[in-house]
Amino acid sequence: MTASIAPFSAVAQLDLVAALTDAQGQLMPSSRRMYRIDAEQFAAWMIERGLTPNTLTRSDMIAYRAYQQETYRKATAERKLVVARRILDELVIGAVLAKSPAYKVKGFKLDDETPHVVLTEQ
């Protein structure tokens, strides 16, 4: 079950609770906590800039991507951007938004962290 969202949280202030709940419902329980944290940070980022999901533009999402890139390592920045996209996608599915402002905002190319070693017979 999804943990409840505090009524004073940024997610609640922007009326993103239903979108977050639907996005989290598709996740493994171990991922839900990080989703909630990342969604809360995304909502707080919007509030700090006087934005709402209805006023958020593609340019704002590009700025959010840049903020993630400057603040976090690539894998973390990518995860946070994915969470923001999923929240916005849920708002589109729920007919709150006509189109996601994150549409076609590129993600981060992650480095392959596992070395590929070719084994040869000797």
Protein backbone atom coordinates (compact mmCIF):
# COMPACT_ATOMS: atom_id res chain seq x y z
CA MET A 1 0.00 0.00 0.00
CA THR A 2 1.19 3.51 -0.76
CA ALA A 3 2.12 5.63 2.23
CA SER A 4 -0.11 8.64 2.75
CA ILE A 5 0.98 12.09 1.64
CA ALA A 6 0.99 14.82 4.29
CA PRO A 7 -1.68 17.45 3.54
CA PHE A 8 0.92 20.25 3.76
CA SER A 9 3.40 18.59 1.38
CA ALA A 10 4.33 20.14 -1.95
CA VAL A 11 2.68 17.19 -3.74
CA ALA A 12 -0.57 17.90 -1.91
CA GLN A 13 -0.32 21.66 -2.49
CA LEU A 14 -0.12 21.09 -6.25
CA ASP A 15 -2.90 18.46 -6.18
CA LEU A 16 -0.56 15.73 -7.43
CA VAL A 17 -1.60 13.09 -4.90
CA ALA A 18 -3.77 11.09 -7.34
CA ALA A 19 -1.11 11.21 -10.07
CA LEU A 20 1.59 10.08 -7.64
CA THR A 21 -0.63 7.31 -6.26
CA ASP A 22 -1.33 6.00 -9.78
CA ALA A 23 2.35 6.17 -10.74
CA GLN A 24 3.40 4.41 -7.53
CA GLY A 25 0.75 1.73 -8.02
CA GLN A 26 2.74 0.45 -10.99
CA LEU A 27 5.96 0.11 -8.99
CA MET A 28 7.56 -2.49 -6.82
CA PRO A 29 7.15 -1.62 -3.13
CA SER A 30 10.89 -0.98 -2.82
CA SER A 31 10.69 1.83 -5.43
CA ARG A 32 7.67 3.65 -3.99
CA ARG A 33 9.55 5.52 -1.27
CA MET A 34 12.07 6.99 -3.73
CA TYR A 35 9.24 7.93 -6.09
CA ARG A 36 7.47 9.77 -3.30
CA ILE A 37 10.66 11.63 -2.34
CA ASP A 38 11.46 12.53 -5.95
CA ALA A 39 7.87 13.65 -6.60
CA GLU A 40 7.97 15.82 -3.48
CA GLN A 41 11.22 17.43 -4.68
CA PHE A 42 9.75 18.05 -8.15
CA ALA A 43 6.64 19.63 -6.64
CA ALA A 44 8.75 21.80 -4.31
CA TRP A 45 10.87 22.89 -7.30
CA MET A 46 7.70 24.02 -9.09
CA ILE A 47 6.36 25.84 -6.03
CA GLU A 48 9.68 27.69 -5.53
CA ARG A 49 9.32 29.03 -9.08
CA GLY A 50 5.63 29.88 -8.83
CA LEU A 51 4.68 27.06 -11.22
CA THR A 52 1.85 24.57 -11.24
CA PRO A 53 1.34 21.58 -13.51
CA ASN A 54 -1.04 23.73 -15.59
CA THR A 55 1.49 26.55 -16.04
CA LEU A 56 4.55 24.31 -16.47
CA THR A 57 6.09 24.61 -19.96
CA ARG A 58 8.60 22.60 -21.94
CA SER A 59 11.15 25.33 -21.22
CA ASP A 60 10.51 24.86 -17.50
CA MET A 61 11.12 21.14 -17.88
CA ILE A 62 14.37 21.82 -19.72
CA ALA A 63 15.35 24.08 -16.79
CA TYR A 64 14.38 21.28 -14.37
CA ARG A 65 16.59 18.89 -16.36
CA ALA A 66 19.48 21.38 -16.16
CA TYR A 67 18.93 21.73 -12.41
CA GLN A 68 19.09 17.94 -12.01
CA GLN A 69 22.24 17.78 -14.13
CA GLU A 70 23.96 20.45 -12.02
CA THR A 71 22.86 18.96 -8.71
CA TYR A 72 23.07 15.17 -9.01
CA ARG A 73 25.01 12.40 -10.65
CA LYS A 74 23.60 11.20 -13.97
CA ALA A 75 21.79 8.14 -12.65
CA THR A 76 20.08 10.10 -9.89
CA ALA A 77 19.25 13.00 -12.21
CA GLU A 78 17.75 10.55 -14.72
CA ARG A 79 15.64 8.87 -12.03
CA LYS A 80 14.31 12.21 -10.81
CA LEU A 81 13.51 13.30 -14.36
CA VAL A 82 11.71 10.00 -15.02
CA VAL A 83 9.59 10.51 -11.90
CA ALA A 84 8.63 14.03 -13.03
CA ARG A 85 7.71 12.66 -16.46
CA ARG A 86 5.61 9.86 -14.96
CA ILE A 87 3.72 12.32 -12.75
CA LEU A 88 3.03 14.54 -15.76
CA ASP A 89 2.01 11.52 -17.85
CA GLU A 90 -0.49 10.53 -15.16
CA LEU A 91 -1.92 14.05 -15.30
CA VAL A 92 -2.36 13.65 -19.07
CA ILE A 93 -4.02 10.25 -18.61
CA GLY A 94 -6.33 11.79 -16.00
CA ALA A 95 -7.21 14.62 -18.41
CA VAL A 96 -5.76 17.26 -16.07
CA LEU A 97 -3.23 18.25 -18.76
CA ALA A 98 -3.75 18.09 -22.53
CA LYS A 99 -0.08 17.31 -23.17
CA SER A 100 2.95 16.68 -21.01
CA PRO A 101 5.38 19.60 -20.86
CA ALA A 102 8.12 16.98 -20.56
CA TYR A 103 7.34 15.61 -24.02
CA LYS A 104 10.57 15.26 -26.02
CA VAL A 105 12.74 16.67 -23.23
CA LYS A 106 15.77 14.45 -23.49
CA GLY A 107 16.98 12.34 -20.63
CA PHE A 108 20.53 11.59 -19.59
CA LYS A 109 22.79 9.15 -21.34
CA LEU A 110 24.03 6.93 -18.57
CA ASP A 111 27.51 5.51 -18.62
CA ASP A 112 27.71 1.76 -18.71
CA GLU A 113 28.85 1.01 -15.21
CA THR A 114 29.65 -2.64 -15.78
CA PRO A 115 32.84 -3.42 -17.64
CA HIS A 116 32.44 -5.80 -20.53
CA VAL A 117 35.18 -8.38 -20.46
CA VAL A 118 35.54 -10.74 -23.34
CA LEU A 119 36.62 -14.15 -22.24
CA THR A 120 38.68 -16.15 -24.66
CA GLU A 121 39.59 -19.78 -24.54
CA GLN A 122 43.23 -20.37 -23.87
